[in-house]
Amino acid sequence: MAWDAATIDPSASEAGAASLAAYDAARRAGRPPVECYRAAVEAWRRLHPDQAPEYAAKRAVAVVLGAHVRFRIEE
């Protein structure tokens, strides 16, 4: 099996990019957080209508969190 960037990093896929764009647009529009995440999931599902809704939601939210959340471990 060949691994490409989209397989390893979902944000590198077309659906990942669409999810991030939809989330960011909703944030700029001042939407509540739940609507921002919902926009990301809807964008993902438009490109992957064959995926189960729960799986698609997990993937889209993982992409958003991966792009916007940073953990810092203090020693």
N, C-alpha and C. Protein backbone atom coordinates (compact mmCIF):
# COMPACT_ATOMS: atom_id res chain seq x y z
N MET A 1 0.84 -1.18 0.00
CA MET A 1 0.00 0.00 0.00
C MET A 1 0.89 1.24 0.00
N ALA A 2 0.58 2.17 -0.87
CA ALA A 2 1.33 3.42 -0.94
C ALA A 2 0.71 4.45 -0.01
N TRP A 3 1.55 5.16 0.70
CA TRP A 3 1.09 6.21 1.60
C TRP A 3 1.41 7.55 0.98
N ASP A 4 0.42 8.41 0.91
CA ASP A 4 0.68 9.77 0.46
C ASP A 4 0.34 10.73 1.59
N ALA A 5 0.58 12.00 1.39
CA ALA A 5 0.37 12.99 2.45
C ALA A 5 -1.08 13.01 2.93
N ALA A 6 -2.04 12.81 2.04
CA ALA A 6 -3.44 12.84 2.44
C ALA A 6 -3.80 11.65 3.32
N THR A 7 -3.12 10.51 3.13
CA THR A 7 -3.39 9.33 3.95
C THR A 7 -2.85 9.54 5.36
N ILE A 8 -1.69 10.12 5.47
CA ILE A 8 -1.05 10.33 6.76
C ILE A 8 -1.64 11.54 7.47
N ASP A 9 -1.85 12.61 6.75
CA ASP A 9 -2.33 13.87 7.32
C ASP A 9 -3.63 14.26 6.62
N PRO A 10 -4.79 14.09 7.29
CA PRO A 10 -6.06 14.41 6.64
C PRO A 10 -6.19 15.86 6.22
N SER A 11 -5.44 16.76 6.87
CA SER A 11 -5.53 18.17 6.49
C SER A 11 -4.89 18.42 5.13
N ALA A 12 -4.10 17.48 4.65
CA ALA A 12 -3.48 17.62 3.34
C ALA A 12 -4.41 17.21 2.20
N SER A 13 -5.58 16.67 2.55
CA SER A 13 -6.53 16.24 1.52
C SER A 13 -7.43 17.40 1.11
N GLU A 14 -8.12 17.21 0.02
CA GLU A 14 -9.07 18.21 -0.46
C GLU A 14 -10.17 18.42 0.57
N ALA A 15 -10.65 17.34 1.17
CA ALA A 15 -11.70 17.45 2.19
C ALA A 15 -11.19 18.17 3.43
N GLY A 16 -9.95 17.92 3.80
CA GLY A 16 -9.36 18.61 4.95
C GLY A 16 -9.25 20.10 4.71
N ALA A 17 -8.80 20.47 3.53
CA ALA A 17 -8.68 21.88 3.18
C ALA A 17 -10.06 22.55 3.15
N ALA A 18 -11.04 21.85 2.61
CA ALA A 18 -12.40 22.41 2.56
C ALA A 18 -12.97 22.56 3.97
N SER A 19 -12.70 21.60 4.83
CA SER A 19 -13.18 21.67 6.21
C SER A 19 -12.57 22.86 6.94
N LEU A 20 -11.26 23.03 6.79
CA LEU A 20 -10.60 24.17 7.43
C LEU A 20 -11.12 25.50 6.89
N ALA A 21 -11.33 25.58 5.60
CA ALA A 21 -11.83 26.82 5.00
C ALA A 21 -13.24 27.13 5.51
N ALA A 22 -14.08 26.12 5.61
CA ALA A 22 -15.45 26.32 6.09
C ALA A 22 -15.45 26.74 7.56
N TYR A 23 -14.61 26.10 8.35
CA TYR A 23 -14.51 26.44 9.77
C TYR A 23 -14.03 27.89 9.93
N ASP A 24 -12.98 28.24 9.22
CA ASP A 24 -12.42 29.59 9.31
C ASP A 24 -13.42 30.65 8.84
N ALA A 25 -14.16 30.36 7.79
CA ALA A 25 -15.17 31.30 7.29
C ALA A 25 -16.26 31.52 8.33
N ALA A 26 -16.67 30.45 8.97
CA ALA A 26 -17.71 30.56 10.01
C ALA A 26 -17.19 31.36 11.21
N ARG A 27 -15.94 31.15 11.57
CA ARG A 27 -15.36 31.93 12.68
C ARG A 27 -15.29 33.40 12.34
N ARG A 28 -14.84 33.71 11.12
CA ARG A 28 -14.76 35.12 10.71
C ARG A 28 -16.14 35.77 10.69
N ALA A 29 -17.16 34.98 10.41
CA ALA A 29 -18.54 35.50 10.38
C ALA A 29 -19.11 35.66 11.78
N GLY A 30 -18.35 35.25 12.79
CA GLY A 30 -18.80 35.41 14.17
C GLY A 30 -19.78 34.35 14.64
N ARG A 31 -19.80 33.22 13.96
CA ARG A 31 -20.73 32.14 14.34
C ARG A 31 -20.28 31.49 15.64
N PRO A 32 -21.22 30.91 16.38
CA PRO A 32 -20.84 30.18 17.61
C PRO A 32 -19.97 28.97 17.26
N PRO A 33 -19.15 28.52 18.21
CA PRO A 33 -18.24 27.39 17.92
C PRO A 33 -18.93 26.16 17.34
N VAL A 34 -20.09 25.81 17.85
CA VAL A 34 -20.75 24.61 17.35
C VAL A 34 -21.09 24.75 15.87
N GLU A 35 -21.46 25.94 15.44
CA GLU A 35 -21.77 26.15 14.02
C GLU A 35 -20.50 26.13 13.17
N CYS A 36 -19.40 26.55 13.74
CA CYS A 36 -18.12 26.51 13.02
C CYS A 36 -17.72 25.06 12.76
N TYR A 37 -17.83 24.22 13.80
CA TYR A 37 -17.50 22.80 13.63
C TYR A 37 -18.49 22.14 12.68
N ARG A 38 -19.75 22.51 12.78
CA ARG A 38 -20.76 21.93 11.88
C ARG A 38 -20.45 22.27 10.43
N ALA A 39 -19.98 23.49 10.18
CA ALA A 39 -19.61 23.88 8.81
C ALA A 39 -18.46 23.03 8.30
N ALA A 40 -17.49 22.75 9.18
CA ALA A 40 -16.36 21.90 8.79
C ALA A 40 -16.82 20.49 8.44
N VAL A 41 -17.72 19.95 9.25
CA VAL A 41 -18.22 18.60 9.01
C VAL A 41 -19.02 18.56 7.71
N GLU A 42 -19.85 19.56 7.48
CA GLU A 42 -20.64 19.59 6.24
C GLU A 42 -19.73 19.66 5.01
N ALA A 43 -18.67 20.44 5.11
CA ALA A 43 -17.72 20.52 3.98
C ALA A 43 -17.07 19.16 3.73
N TRP A 44 -16.69 18.47 4.80
CA TRP A 44 -16.08 17.15 4.66
C TRP A 44 -17.06 16.18 4.00
N ARG A 45 -18.31 16.21 4.48
CA ARG A 45 -19.31 15.26 3.97
C ARG A 45 -19.67 15.53 2.52
N ARG A 46 -19.57 16.78 2.07
CA ARG A 46 -19.84 17.05 0.65
C ARG A 46 -18.85 16.32 -0.24
N LEU A 47 -17.61 16.19 0.23
CA LEU A 47 -16.58 15.52 -0.56
C LEU A 47 -16.51 14.02 -0.29
N HIS A 48 -17.10 13.59 0.82
CA HIS A 48 -17.12 12.16 1.16
C HIS A 48 -18.53 11.73 1.55
N PRO A 49 -19.48 11.78 0.61
CA PRO A 49 -20.87 11.43 0.96
C PRO A 49 -21.04 9.95 1.32
N ASP A 50 -20.08 9.13 0.95
CA ASP A 50 -20.15 7.70 1.22
C ASP A 50 -19.73 7.35 2.65
N GLN A 51 -19.10 8.27 3.36
CA GLN A 51 -18.65 7.97 4.72
C GLN A 51 -19.81 8.10 5.71
N ALA A 52 -19.75 7.28 6.75
CA ALA A 52 -20.74 7.37 7.82
C ALA A 52 -20.64 8.75 8.46
N PRO A 53 -21.77 9.34 8.83
CA PRO A 53 -21.74 10.69 9.41
C PRO A 53 -20.82 10.82 10.62
N GLU A 54 -20.83 9.83 11.50
CA GLU A 54 -19.98 9.90 12.70
C GLU A 54 -18.50 9.87 12.33
N TYR A 55 -18.13 9.02 11.39
CA TYR A 55 -16.74 8.93 10.97
C TYR A 55 -16.30 10.24 10.31
N ALA A 56 -17.14 10.77 9.42
CA ALA A 56 -16.82 12.02 8.74
C ALA A 56 -16.66 13.16 9.74
N ALA A 57 -17.52 13.19 10.75
CA ALA A 57 -17.43 14.24 11.77
C ALA A 57 -16.12 14.13 12.54
N LYS A 58 -15.74 12.92 12.90
CA LYS A 58 -14.48 12.73 13.63
C LYS A 58 -13.29 13.20 12.80
N ARG A 59 -13.30 12.88 11.53
CA ARG A 59 -12.19 13.29 10.66
C ARG A 59 -12.13 14.81 10.52
N ALA A 60 -13.27 15.44 10.26
CA ALA A 60 -13.30 16.89 10.06
C ALA A 60 -12.88 17.62 11.33
N VAL A 61 -13.39 17.20 12.47
CA VAL A 61 -13.04 17.85 13.73
C VAL A 61 -11.56 17.63 14.05
N ALA A 62 -11.04 16.46 13.74
CA ALA A 62 -9.61 16.20 13.97
C ALA A 62 -8.75 17.15 13.14
N VAL A 63 -9.16 17.41 11.92
CA VAL A 63 -8.41 18.33 11.06
C VAL A 63 -8.43 19.74 11.65
N VAL A 64 -9.62 20.18 12.08
CA VAL A 64 -9.74 21.53 12.65
C VAL A 64 -8.90 21.64 13.92
N LEU A 65 -9.04 20.67 14.81
CA LEU A 65 -8.27 20.72 16.05
C LEU A 65 -6.77 20.65 15.78
N GLY A 66 -6.38 19.84 14.84
CA GLY A 66 -4.96 19.73 14.50
C GLY A 66 -4.38 21.03 13.98
N ALA A 67 -5.22 21.82 13.32
CA ALA A 67 -4.75 23.08 12.76
C ALA A 67 -4.80 24.24 13.75
N HIS A 68 -5.70 24.15 14.73
CA HIS A 68 -5.93 25.29 15.60
C HIS A 68 -5.56 25.10 17.07
N VAL A 69 -5.29 23.90 17.49
CA VAL A 69 -5.00 23.66 18.90
C VAL A 69 -3.52 23.29 19.05
N ARG A 70 -2.88 23.95 19.95
CA ARG A 70 -1.48 23.65 20.25
C ARG A 70 -1.35 23.32 21.73
N PHE A 71 -0.70 22.24 22.01
CA PHE A 71 -0.46 21.85 23.39
C PHE A 71 0.96 22.23 23.77
N ARG A 72 1.10 22.78 24.93
CA ARG A 72 2.42 23.13 25.42
C ARG A 72 2.61 22.41 26.74
N ILE A 73 3.66 21.67 26.84
CA ILE A 73 3.97 20.93 28.06
C ILE A 73 5.08 21.68 28.79
N GLU A 74 4.76 22.12 29.99
CA GLU A 74 5.75 22.82 30.78
C GLU A 74 6.43 21.81 31.70
N GLU A 75 7.72 21.97 31.84
CA GLU A 75 8.46 21.04 32.70
C GLU A 75 8.62 21.59 34.07
